[in-house]
Amino acid sequence: MHVLEVGCGSGAFTTFVARTVGIKGEVYALDIQPGMLMQLKEKLSRPENRDIRNIKLIEGDAHNLPFDDNSFDLVYAITVIQEIPDKIRF
């Protein structure tokens, strides 16, 4: 399963989803803020998360996704909705 998390932030849900999809799945964690991706990268380096190898960190904009249509089996955005000014477009 290929999953896209839009607005992953520091990864509050990312590691759970990565474990859920398993080693054959992939989670693309997208955030517009490089600092948030750094926090997630640090989280992944902790001993309890070192077994997770199926997360790809992507710096990008939710309004201009750098992926082809139909690239994912599941797309979700949980902690980012309140941060997006144009919710209709999103």
PDB file of N, CA and C in Angstrom:
ATOM      1  N   MET A   1       0.837  -1.172   0.000  1.00  0.00           N
ATOM      2  CA  MET A   1       0.000   0.000   0.000  1.00  0.00           C
ATOM      3  C   MET A   1       0.886   1.241   0.000  1.00  0.00           C
ATOM      4  N   HIS A   2       0.559   2.187  -0.838  1.00  0.00           N
ATOM      5  CA  HIS A   2       1.265   3.465  -0.913  1.00  0.00           C
ATOM      6  C   HIS A   2       0.370   4.538  -0.296  1.00  0.00           C
ATOM      7  N   VAL A   3       0.905   5.230   0.699  1.00  0.00           N
ATOM      8  CA  VAL A   3       0.132   6.203   1.469  1.00  0.00           C
ATOM      9  C   VAL A   3       0.818   7.561   1.401  1.00  0.00           C
ATOM     10  N   LEU A   4       0.018   8.608   1.242  1.00  0.00           N
ATOM     11  CA  LEU A   4       0.517   9.976   1.294  1.00  0.00           C
ATOM     12  C   LEU A   4      -0.087  10.665   2.504  1.00  0.00           C
ATOM     13  N   GLU A   5       0.778  11.184   3.365  1.00  0.00           N
ATOM     14  CA  GLU A   5       0.335  12.005   4.490  1.00  0.00           C
ATOM     15  C   GLU A   5       0.646  13.458   4.143  1.00  0.00           C
ATOM     16  N   VAL A   6      -0.393  14.249   3.947  1.00  0.00           N
ATOM     17  CA  VAL A   6      -0.234  15.657   3.598  1.00  0.00           C
ATOM     18  C   VAL A   6      -0.166  16.464   4.891  1.00  0.00           C
ATOM     19  N   GLY A   7       0.927  17.201   5.057  1.00  0.00           N
ATOM     20  CA  GLY A   7       1.114  17.987   6.271  1.00  0.00           C
ATOM     21  C   GLY A   7       1.481  17.111   7.451  1.00  0.00           C
ATOM     22  N   CYS A   8       2.527  16.331   7.286  1.00  0.00           N
ATOM     23  CA  CYS A   8       2.920  15.357   8.315  1.00  0.00           C
ATOM     24  C   CYS A   8       3.426  16.004   9.592  1.00  0.00           C
ATOM     25  N   GLY A   9       3.898  17.248   9.503  1.00  0.00           N
ATOM     26  CA  GLY A   9       4.442  17.898  10.692  1.00  0.00           C
ATOM     27  C   GLY A   9       5.588  17.092  11.271  1.00  0.00           C
ATOM     28  N   SER A  10       5.594  16.950  12.573  1.00  0.00           N
ATOM     29  CA  SER A  10       6.674  16.219  13.246  1.00  0.00           C
ATOM     30  C   SER A  10       6.436  14.716  13.268  1.00  0.00           C
ATOM     31  N   GLY A  11       5.355  14.262  12.646  1.00  0.00           N
ATOM     32  CA  GLY A  11       5.130  12.828  12.511  1.00  0.00           C
ATOM     33  C   GLY A  11       4.257  12.193  13.568  1.00  0.00           C
ATOM     34  N   ALA A  12       3.282  12.925  14.085  1.00  0.00           N
ATOM     35  CA  ALA A  12       2.404  12.395  15.128  1.00  0.00           C
ATOM     36  C   ALA A  12       1.713  11.097  14.703  1.00  0.00           C
ATOM     37  N   PHE A  13       1.374  10.965  13.426  1.00  0.00           N
ATOM     38  CA  PHE A  13       0.693   9.772  12.926  1.00  0.00           C
ATOM     39  C   PHE A  13       1.558   8.941  11.984  1.00  0.00           C
ATOM     40  N   THR A  14       2.651   9.495  11.531  1.00  0.00           N
ATOM     41  CA  THR A  14       3.461   8.889  10.476  1.00  0.00           C
ATOM     42  C   THR A  14       4.025   7.531  10.850  1.00  0.00           C
ATOM     43  N   THR A  15       4.606   7.406  12.017  1.00  0.00           N
ATOM     44  CA  THR A  15       5.223   6.129  12.397  1.00  0.00           C
ATOM     45  C   THR A  15       4.167   5.044  12.576  1.00  0.00           C
ATOM     46  N   PHE A  16       3.005   5.405  13.116  1.00  0.00           N
ATOM     47  CA  PHE A  16       1.920   4.430  13.265  1.00  0.00           C
ATOM     48  C   PHE A  16       1.489   3.902  11.901  1.00  0.00           C
ATOM     49  N   VAL A  17       1.300   4.809  10.952  1.00  0.00           N
ATOM     50  CA  VAL A  17       0.870   4.402   9.610  1.00  0.00           C
ATOM     51  C   VAL A  17       1.950   3.560   8.942  1.00  0.00           C
ATOM     52  N   ALA A  18       3.207   3.939   9.104  1.00  0.00           N
ATOM     53  CA  ALA A  18       4.306   3.173   8.505  1.00  0.00           C
ATOM     54  C   ALA A  18       4.326   1.743   9.037  1.00  0.00           C
ATOM     55  N   ARG A  19       4.108   1.583  10.316  1.00  0.00           N
ATOM     56  CA  ARG A  19       4.062   0.226  10.886  1.00  0.00           C
ATOM     57  C   ARG A  19       2.823  -0.530  10.400  1.00  0.00           C
ATOM     58  N   THR A  20       1.728   0.187  10.219  1.00  0.00           N
ATOM     59  CA  THR A  20       0.483  -0.444   9.776  1.00  0.00           C
ATOM     60  C   THR A  20       0.598  -0.972   8.349  1.00  0.00           C
ATOM     61  N   VAL A  21       1.210  -0.217   7.448  1.00  0.00           N
ATOM     62  CA  VAL A  21       1.324  -0.681   6.058  1.00  0.00           C
ATOM     63  C   VAL A  21       2.410  -1.737   5.903  1.00  0.00           C
ATOM     64  N   GLY A  22       3.312  -1.825   6.867  1.00  0.00           N
ATOM     65  CA  GLY A  22       4.328  -2.879   6.857  1.00  0.00           C
ATOM     66  C   GLY A  22       5.470  -2.625   5.888  1.00  0.00           C
ATOM     67  N   ILE A  23       6.367  -3.599   5.825  1.00  0.00           N
ATOM     68  CA  ILE A  23       7.596  -3.420   5.041  1.00  0.00           C
ATOM     69  C   ILE A  23       7.357  -3.366   3.530  1.00  0.00           C
ATOM     70  N   LYS A  24       6.231  -3.881   3.070  1.00  0.00           N
ATOM     71  CA  LYS A  24       5.934  -3.821   1.637  1.00  0.00           C
ATOM     72  C   LYS A  24       5.236  -2.525   1.246  1.00  0.00           C
ATOM     73  N   GLY A  25       4.803  -1.757   2.239  1.00  0.00           N
ATOM     74  CA  GLY A  25       4.136  -0.493   1.981  1.00  0.00           C
ATOM     75  C   GLY A  25       5.103   0.669   2.070  1.00  0.00           C
ATOM     76  N   GLU A  26       4.633   1.831   1.639  1.00  0.00           N
ATOM     77  CA  GLU A  26       5.435   3.051   1.712  1.00  0.00           C
ATOM     78  C   GLU A  26       4.554   4.200   2.172  1.00  0.00           C
ATOM     79  N   VAL A  27       5.133   5.054   3.003  1.00  0.00           N
ATOM     80  CA  VAL A  27       4.453   6.262   3.451  1.00  0.00           C
ATOM     81  C   VAL A  27       5.272   7.455   2.978  1.00  0.00           C
ATOM     82  N   TYR A  28       4.634   8.329   2.225  1.00  0.00           N
ATOM     83  CA  TYR A  28       5.259   9.565   1.778  1.00  0.00           C
ATOM     84  C   TYR A  28       4.762  10.662   2.710  1.00  0.00           C
ATOM     85  N   ALA A  29       5.671  11.207   3.503  1.00  0.00           N
ATOM     86  CA  ALA A  29       5.341  12.227   4.493  1.00  0.00           C
ATOM     87  C   ALA A  29       5.691  13.590   3.913  1.00  0.00           C
ATOM     88  N   LEU A  30       4.667  14.352   3.554  1.00  0.00           N
ATOM     89  CA  LEU A  30       4.858  15.631   2.879  1.00  0.00           C
ATOM     90  C   LEU A  30       4.580  16.787   3.833  1.00  0.00           C
ATOM     91  N   ASP A  31       5.476  17.765   3.833  1.00  0.00           N
ATOM     92  CA  ASP A  31       5.256  18.987   4.605  1.00  0.00           C
ATOM     93  C   ASP A  31       5.951  20.139   3.888  1.00  0.00           C
ATOM     94  N   ILE A  32       5.374  21.317   3.999  1.00  0.00           N
ATOM     95  CA  ILE A  32       5.950  22.498   3.355  1.00  0.00           C
ATOM     96  C   ILE A  32       7.075  23.102   4.196  1.00  0.00           C
ATOM     97  N   GLN A  33       7.113  22.765   5.481  1.00  0.00           N
ATOM     98  CA  GLN A  33       8.091  23.352   6.395  1.00  0.00           C
ATOM     99  C   GLN A  33       9.269  22.405   6.623  1.00  0.00           C
ATOM    100  N   PRO A  34      10.453  22.783   6.176  1.00  0.00           N
ATOM    101  CA  PRO A  34      11.629  21.932   6.363  1.00  0.00           C
ATOM    102  C   PRO A  34      11.895  21.591   7.833  1.00  0.00           C
ATOM    103  N   GLY A  35      11.582  22.518   8.728  1.00  0.00           N
ATOM    104  CA  GLY A  35      11.799  22.268  10.152  1.00  0.00           C
ATOM    105  C   GLY A  35      10.959  21.118  10.682  1.00  0.00           C
ATOM    106  N   MET A  36       9.744  20.983  10.169  1.00  0.00           N
ATOM    107  CA  MET A  36       8.880  19.874  10.582  1.00  0.00           C
ATOM    108  C   MET A  36       9.448  18.548  10.089  1.00  0.00           C
ATOM    109  N   LEU A  37       9.948  18.547   8.865  1.00  0.00           N
ATOM    110  CA  LEU A  37      10.550  17.326   8.328  1.00  0.00           C
ATOM    111  C   LEU A  37      11.804  16.943   9.109  1.00  0.00           C
ATOM    112  N   MET A  38      12.549  17.945   9.579  1.00  0.00           N
ATOM    113  CA  MET A  38      13.730  17.660  10.409  1.00  0.00           C
ATOM    114  C   MET A  38      13.315  17.020  11.727  1.00  0.00           C
ATOM    115  N   GLN A  39      12.231  17.517  12.304  1.00  0.00           N
ATOM    116  CA  GLN A  39      11.744  16.921  13.554  1.00  0.00           C
ATOM    117  C   GLN A  39      11.336  15.469  13.334  1.00  0.00           C
ATOM    118  N   LEU A  40      10.678  15.198  12.210  1.00  0.00           N
ATOM    119  CA  LEU A  40      10.293  13.823  11.901  1.00  0.00           C
ATOM    120  C   LEU A  40      11.526  12.962  11.670  1.00  0.00           C
ATOM    121  N   LYS A  41      12.505  13.500  10.986  1.00  0.00           N
ATOM    122  CA  LYS A  41      13.749  12.758  10.752  1.00  0.00           C
ATOM    123  C   LYS A  41      14.418  12.400  12.082  1.00  0.00           C
ATOM    124  N   GLU A  42      14.436  13.344  13.008  1.00  0.00           N
ATOM    125  CA  GLU A  42      14.997  13.083  14.338  1.00  0.00           C
ATOM    126  C   GLU A  42      14.190  12.016  15.070  1.00  0.00           C
ATOM    127  N   LYS A  43      12.869  12.078  14.942  1.00  0.00           N
ATOM    128  CA  LYS A  43      12.001  11.075  15.570  1.00  0.00           C
ATOM    129  C   LYS A  43      12.317   9.682  15.024  1.00  0.00           C
ATOM    130  N   LEU A  44      12.560   9.593  13.726  1.00  0.00           N
ATOM    131  CA  LEU A  44      12.854   8.301  13.104  1.00  0.00           C
ATOM    132  C   LEU A  44      14.211   7.753  13.523  1.00  0.00           C
ATOM    133  N   SER A  45      15.088   8.617  14.017  1.00  0.00           N
ATOM    134  CA  SER A  45      16.414   8.154  14.445  1.00  0.00           C
ATOM    135  C   SER A  45      16.423   7.627  15.881  1.00  0.00           C
ATOM    136  N   ARG A  46      15.319   7.779  16.592  1.00  0.00           N
ATOM    137  CA  ARG A  46      15.239   7.268  17.964  1.00  0.00           C
ATOM    138  C   ARG A  46      15.255   5.742  17.946  1.00  0.00           C
ATOM    139  N   PRO A  47      15.795   5.145  19.000  1.00  0.00           N
ATOM    140  CA  PRO A  47      15.902   3.673  19.043  1.00  0.00           C
ATOM    141  C   PRO A  47      14.583   2.944  18.772  1.00  0.00           C
ATOM    142  N   GLU A  48      13.489   3.446  19.292  1.00  0.00           N
ATOM    143  CA  GLU A  48      12.200   2.763  19.117  1.00  0.00           C
ATOM    144  C   GLU A  48      11.657   2.855  17.695  1.00  0.00           C
ATOM    145  N   ASN A  49      12.259   3.699  16.864  1.00  0.00           N
ATOM    146  CA  ASN A  49      11.780   3.864  15.488  1.00  0.00           C
ATOM    147  C   ASN A  49      12.796   3.453  14.433  1.00  0.00           C
ATOM    148  N   ARG A  50      13.939   2.985  14.838  1.00  0.00           N
ATOM    149  CA  ARG A  50      14.993   2.663  13.865  1.00  0.00           C
ATOM    150  C   ARG A  50      14.628   1.512  12.934  1.00  0.00           C
ATOM    151  N   ASP A  51      13.634   0.728  13.310  1.00  0.00           N
ATOM    152  CA  ASP A  51      13.202  -0.377  12.450  1.00  0.00           C
ATOM    153  C   ASP A  51      12.328   0.107  11.290  1.00  0.00           C
ATOM    154  N   ILE A  52      11.880   1.347  11.341  1.00  0.00           N
ATOM    155  CA  ILE A  52      11.001   1.888  10.298  1.00  0.00           C
ATOM    156  C   ILE A  52      11.855   2.395   9.145  1.00  0.00           C
ATOM    157  N   ARG A  53      11.655   1.785   7.989  1.00  0.00           N
ATOM    158  CA  ARG A  53      12.444   2.168   6.815  1.00  0.00           C
ATOM    159  C   ARG A  53      11.568   2.466   5.595  1.00  0.00           C
ATOM    160  N   ASN A  54      10.279   2.583   5.817  1.00  0.00           N
ATOM    161  CA  ASN A  54       9.367   2.758   4.688  1.00  0.00           C
ATOM    162  C   ASN A  54       8.708   4.139   4.651  1.00  0.00           C
ATOM    163  N   ILE A  55       9.401   5.136   5.202  1.00  0.00           N
ATOM    164  CA  ILE A  55       8.904   6.511   5.165  1.00  0.00           C
ATOM    165  C   ILE A  55       9.834   7.347   4.289  1.00  0.00           C
ATOM    166  N   LYS A  56       9.234   8.062   3.358  1.00  0.00           N
ATOM    167  CA  LYS A  56       9.993   8.980   2.507  1.00  0.00           C
ATOM    168  C   LYS A  56       9.557  10.405   2.864  1.00  0.00           C
ATOM    169  N   LEU A  57      10.511  11.234   3.229  1.00  0.00           N
ATOM    170  CA  LEU A  57      10.225  12.621   3.589  1.00  0.00           C
ATOM    171  C   LEU A  57      10.251  13.486   2.334  1.00  0.00           C
ATOM    172  N   ILE A  58       9.185  14.259   2.131  1.00  0.00           N
ATOM    173  CA  ILE A  58       9.044  15.079   0.932  1.00  0.00           C
ATOM    174  C   ILE A  58       8.718  16.514   1.351  1.00  0.00           C
ATOM    175  N   GLU A  59       9.537  17.459   0.907  1.00  0.00           N
ATOM    176  CA  GLU A  59       9.207  18.868   1.124  1.00  0.00           C
ATOM    177  C   GLU A  59       8.348  19.314  -0.044  1.00  0.00           C
ATOM    178  N   GLY A  60       7.145  19.796   0.254  1.00  0.00           N
ATOM    179  CA  GLY A  60       6.258  20.197  -0.822  1.00  0.00           C
ATOM    180  C   GLY A  60       5.006  20.880  -0.317  1.00  0.00           C
ATOM    181  N   ASP A  61       4.248  21.401  -1.262  1.00  0.00           N
ATOM    182  CA  ASP A  61       3.050  22.192  -1.009  1.00  0.00           C
ATOM    183  C   ASP A  61       1.809  21.340  -1.274  1.00  0.00           C
ATOM    184  N   ALA A  62       0.863  21.369  -0.357  1.00  0.00           N
ATOM    185  CA  ALA A  62      -0.369  20.593  -0.503  1.00  0.00           C
ATOM    186  C   ALA A  62      -1.190  21.024  -1.717  1.00  0.00           C
ATOM    187  N   HIS A  63      -1.003  22.259  -2.176  1.00  0.00           N
ATOM    188  CA  HIS A  63      -1.737  22.749  -3.343  1.00  0.00           C
ATOM    189  C   HIS A  63      -1.058  22.398  -4.658  1.00  0.00           C
ATOM    190  N   ASN A  64       0.148  21.912  -4.600  1.00  0.00           N
ATOM    191  CA  ASN A  64       0.892  21.579  -5.812  1.00  0.00           C
ATOM    192  C   ASN A  64       1.681  20.296  -5.550  1.00  0.00           C
ATOM    193  N   LEU A  65       0.979  19.203  -5.432  1.00  0.00           N
ATOM    194  CA  LEU A  65       1.611  17.934  -5.071  1.00  0.00           C
ATOM    195  C   LEU A  65       2.550  17.447  -6.173  1.00  0.00           C
ATOM    196  N   PRO A  66       3.732  17.002  -5.793  1.00  0.00           N
ATOM    197  CA  PRO A  66       4.729  16.563  -6.778  1.00  0.00           C
ATOM    198  C   PRO A  66       4.573  15.093  -7.184  1.00  0.00           C
ATOM    199  N   PHE A  67       3.321  14.651  -7.360  1.00  0.00           N
ATOM    200  CA  PHE A  67       3.055  13.255  -7.701  1.00  0.00           C
ATOM    201  C   PHE A  67       2.047  13.187  -8.840  1.00  0.00           C
ATOM    202  N   ASP A  68       2.109  12.113  -9.596  1.00  0.00           N
ATOM    203  CA  ASP A  68       1.108  11.873 -10.628  1.00  0.00           C
ATOM    204  C   ASP A  68      -0.220  11.509  -9.976  1.00  0.00           C
ATOM    205  N   ASP A  69      -1.318  11.752 -10.692  1.00  0.00           N
ATOM    206  CA  ASP A  69      -2.628  11.326 -10.210  1.00  0.00           C
ATOM    207  C   ASP A  69      -2.635   9.815  -9.998  1.00  0.00           C
ATOM    208  N   ASN A  70      -3.396   9.379  -9.042  1.00  0.00           N
ATOM    209  CA  ASN A  70      -3.586   7.955  -8.739  1.00  0.00           C
ATOM    210  C   ASN A  70      -2.298   7.255  -8.320  1.00  0.00           C
ATOM    211  N   SER A  71      -1.383   7.983  -7.698  1.00  0.00           N
ATOM    212  CA  SER A  71      -0.120   7.391  -7.232  1.00  0.00           C
ATOM    213  C   SER A  71      -0.265   6.676  -5.896  1.00  0.00           C
ATOM    214  N   PHE A  72      -1.364   6.935  -5.174  1.00  0.00           N
ATOM    215  CA  PHE A  72      -1.494   6.427  -3.815  1.00  0.00           C
ATOM    216  C   PHE A  72      -2.793   5.659  -3.619  1.00  0.00           C
ATOM    217  N   ASP A  73      -2.721   4.687  -2.725  1.00  0.00           N
ATOM    218  CA  ASP A  73      -3.911   3.937  -2.334  1.00  0.00           C
ATOM    219  C   ASP A  73      -4.719   4.702  -1.292  1.00  0.00           C
ATOM    220  N   LEU A  74      -4.020   5.527  -0.512  1.00  0.00           N
ATOM    221  CA  LEU A  74      -4.662   6.289   0.554  1.00  0.00           C
ATOM    222  C   LEU A  74      -3.931   7.615   0.717  1.00  0.00           C
ATOM    223  N   VAL A  75      -4.698   8.685   0.841  1.00  0.00           N
ATOM    224  CA  VAL A  75      -4.147  10.009   1.128  1.00  0.00           C
ATOM    225  C   VAL A  75      -4.905  10.550   2.334  1.00  0.00           C
ATOM    226  N   TYR A  76      -4.166  11.075   3.310  1.00  0.00           N
ATOM    227  CA  TYR A  76      -4.836  11.662   4.465  1.00  0.00           C
ATOM    228  C   TYR A  76      -4.125  12.929   4.915  1.00  0.00           C
ATOM    229  N   ALA A  77      -4.905  13.794   5.553  1.00  0.00           N
ATOM    230  CA  ALA A  77      -4.393  15.052   6.111  1.00  0.00           C
ATOM    231  C   ALA A  77      -5.134  15.262   7.426  1.00  0.00           C
ATOM    232  N   ILE A  78      -4.422  15.159   8.521  1.00  0.00           N
ATOM    233  CA  ILE A  78      -5.083  15.274   9.824  1.00  0.00           C
ATOM    234  C   ILE A  78      -4.725  16.574  10.522  1.00  0.00           C
ATOM    235  N   THR A  79      -3.467  16.800  10.754  1.00  0.00           N
ATOM    236  CA  THR A  79      -3.059  17.943  11.569  1.00  0.00           C
ATOM    237  C   THR A  79      -2.792  19.203  10.757  1.00  0.00           C
ATOM    238  N   VAL A  80      -3.119  19.190   9.486  1.00  0.00           N
ATOM    239  CA  VAL A  80      -2.780  20.325   8.626  1.00  0.00           C
ATOM    240  C   VAL A  80      -3.992  21.129   8.157  1.00  0.00           C
ATOM    241  N   ILE A  81      -5.177  20.588   8.242  1.00  0.00           N
ATOM    242  CA  ILE A  81      -6.362  21.238   7.671  1.00  0.00           C
ATOM    243  C   ILE A  81      -6.517  22.678   8.171  1.00  0.00           C
ATOM    244  N   GLN A  82      -6.323  22.888   9.466  1.00  0.00           N
ATOM    245  CA  GLN A  82      -6.491  24.235  10.023  1.00  0.00           C
ATOM    246  C   GLN A  82      -5.421  25.209   9.528  1.00  0.00           C
ATOM    247  N   GLU A  83      -4.336  24.699   8.964  1.00  0.00           N
ATOM    248  CA  GLU A  83      -3.234  25.544   8.485  1.00  0.00           C
ATOM    249  C   GLU A  83      -3.398  25.973   7.025  1.00  0.00           C
ATOM    250  N   ILE A  84      -4.325  25.360   6.315  1.00  0.00           N
ATOM    251  CA  ILE A  84      -4.485  25.627   4.880  1.00  0.00           C
ATOM    252  C   ILE A  84      -5.497  26.753   4.684  1.00  0.00           C
ATOM    253  N   PRO A  85      -5.046  27.892   4.132  1.00  0.00           N
ATOM    254  CA  PRO A  85      -5.947  29.036   3.991  1.00  0.00           C
ATOM    255  C   PRO A  85      -7.084  28.794   2.982  1.00  0.00           C
ATOM    256  N   ASP A  86      -6.812  28.125   1.873  1.00  0.00           N
ATOM    257  CA  ASP A  86      -7.821  27.897   0.834  1.00  0.00           C
ATOM    258  C   ASP A  86      -8.325  26.457   0.931  1.00  0.00           C
ATOM    259  N   LYS A  87      -9.228  26.218   1.873  1.00  0.00           N
ATOM    260  CA  LYS A  87      -9.724  24.863   2.124  1.00  0.00           C
ATOM    261  C   LYS A  87     -10.551  24.321   0.954  1.00  0.00           C
ATOM    262  N   ILE A  88     -11.217  25.202   0.225  1.00  0.00           N
ATOM    263  CA  ILE A  88     -12.006  24.772  -0.929  1.00  0.00           C
ATOM    264  C   ILE A  88     -11.085  24.176  -1.991  1.00  0.00           C
ATOM    265  N   ARG A  89     -10.020  24.862  -2.286  1.00  0.00           N
ATOM    266  CA  ARG A  89      -9.062  24.382  -3.299  1.00  0.00           C
ATOM    267  C   ARG A  89      -8.392  23.086  -2.857  1.00  0.00           C
ATOM    268  N   PHE A  90      -8.114  22.979  -1.563  1.00  0.00           N
ATOM    269  CA  PHE A  90      -7.449  21.802  -1.028  1.00  0.00           C
ATOM    270  C   PHE A  90      -8.342  20.598  -1.204  1.00  0.00           C
TER     271      PHE A  90
END
